[in-house]
Amino acid sequence: MVKREYPGASNITVHSSIYGVEAYKRLGFVTCGEMTTWNSSIYVPIRLMAKYAPAISC
């Protein structure tokens, strides 16, 4: 769906709950930052990079 809506996107970054990180990793995402708390929510930034995209940091 993301490719259809944003065909030029090369990376996808999401804020995963700490419980979802392992599931995202199995889909090919990698962590790109430290666990963070914002508005009482705890999340870990994770990113999925297209195979053709240059590696960039979060």
C-alpha atoms as a PDB file:
ATOM      1  CA  MET A   1       0.000   0.000   0.000  1.00  0.00           C
ATOM      2  CA  VAL A   2       2.819   2.422   0.804  1.00  0.00           C
ATOM      3  CA  LYS A   3       4.414   1.870  -2.612  1.00  0.00           C
ATOM      4  CA  ARG A   4       1.085   2.580  -4.286  1.00  0.00           C
ATOM      5  CA  GLU A   5       0.457   5.777  -2.293  1.00  0.00           C
ATOM      6  CA  TYR A   6       4.090   7.001  -2.277  1.00  0.00           C
ATOM      7  CA  PRO A   7       5.856   5.458  -5.281  1.00  0.00           C
ATOM      8  CA  GLY A   8       9.052   7.512  -4.775  1.00  0.00           C
ATOM      9  CA  ALA A   9       9.494   6.559  -1.115  1.00  0.00           C
ATOM     10  CA  SER A  10      12.725   4.747  -0.418  1.00  0.00           C
ATOM     11  CA  ASN A  11      12.462   4.357   3.364  1.00  0.00           C
ATOM     12  CA  ILE A  12       9.684   3.765   5.865  1.00  0.00           C
ATOM     13  CA  THR A  13      10.191   4.803   9.489  1.00  0.00           C
ATOM     14  CA  VAL A  14       7.704   3.916  12.217  1.00  0.00           C
ATOM     15  CA  HIS A  15       7.538   4.343  15.967  1.00  0.00           C
ATOM     16  CA  SER A  16       7.034   0.816  17.244  1.00  0.00           C
ATOM     17  CA  SER A  17       5.846  -0.120  20.679  1.00  0.00           C
ATOM     18  CA  ILE A  18       8.457  -2.088  22.578  1.00  0.00           C
ATOM     19  CA  TYR A  19       6.280  -5.174  22.129  1.00  0.00           C
ATOM     20  CA  GLY A  20       6.208  -4.902  18.329  1.00  0.00           C
ATOM     21  CA  VAL A  21       9.937  -4.459  17.636  1.00  0.00           C
ATOM     22  CA  GLU A  22      10.679  -8.162  17.108  1.00  0.00           C
ATOM     23  CA  ALA A  23       7.749  -8.553  14.704  1.00  0.00           C
ATOM     24  CA  TYR A  24       8.956  -5.576  12.665  1.00  0.00           C
ATOM     25  CA  LYS A  25      12.500  -7.004  12.614  1.00  0.00           C
ATOM     26  CA  ARG A  26      11.149 -10.230  11.095  1.00  0.00           C
ATOM     27  CA  LEU A  27       9.670  -8.094   8.315  1.00  0.00           C
ATOM     28  CA  GLY A  28      13.087  -6.562   7.582  1.00  0.00           C
ATOM     29  CA  PHE A  29      13.008  -3.389   9.692  1.00  0.00           C
ATOM     30  CA  VAL A  30      16.044  -2.314  11.731  1.00  0.00           C
ATOM     31  CA  THR A  31      16.132  -0.141  14.834  1.00  0.00           C
ATOM     32  CA  CYS A  32      17.476   3.340  14.151  1.00  0.00           C
ATOM     33  CA  GLY A  33      17.337   5.002  17.535  1.00  0.00           C
ATOM     34  CA  GLU A  34      16.961   4.589  21.253  1.00  0.00           C
ATOM     35  CA  MET A  35      13.766   3.762  23.127  1.00  0.00           C
ATOM     36  CA  THR A  36      11.978   7.088  23.679  1.00  0.00           C
ATOM     37  CA  THR A  37       9.126   8.310  25.850  1.00  0.00           C
ATOM     38  CA  TRP A  38       6.757  10.965  24.479  1.00  0.00           C
ATOM     39  CA  ASN A  39       3.416  11.920  26.030  1.00  0.00           C
ATOM     40  CA  SER A  40       3.581   8.837  28.279  1.00  0.00           C
ATOM     41  CA  SER A  41       4.067   6.571  25.240  1.00  0.00           C
ATOM     42  CA  ILE A  42       7.188   4.462  24.891  1.00  0.00           C
ATOM     43  CA  TYR A  43       8.393   3.696  21.364  1.00  0.00           C
ATOM     44  CA  VAL A  44      11.426   2.594  19.391  1.00  0.00           C
ATOM     45  CA  PRO A  45      12.082   4.187  15.982  1.00  0.00           C
ATOM     46  CA  ILE A  46      12.606   1.507  13.338  1.00  0.00           C
ATOM     47  CA  ARG A  47      13.154   1.758   9.603  1.00  0.00           C
ATOM     48  CA  LEU A  48      12.651  -0.347   6.506  1.00  0.00           C
ATOM     49  CA  MET A  49      14.980   0.691   3.706  1.00  0.00           C
ATOM     50  CA  ALA A  50      14.448  -0.147   0.057  1.00  0.00           C
ATOM     51  CA  LYS A  51      17.220  -2.341  -1.301  1.00  0.00           C
ATOM     52  CA  TYR A  52      18.162   0.288  -3.854  1.00  0.00           C
ATOM     53  CA  ALA A  53      18.176   3.252  -1.450  1.00  0.00           C
ATOM     54  CA  PRO A  54      21.391   4.580   0.108  1.00  0.00           C
ATOM     55  CA  ALA A  55      21.710   3.931   3.829  1.00  0.00           C
ATOM     56  CA  ILE A  56      20.804   6.951   5.932  1.00  0.00           C
ATOM     57  CA  SER A  57      20.474   7.446   9.643  1.00  0.00           C
ATOM     58  CA  CYS A  58      17.239   8.321  11.456  1.00  0.00           C
END
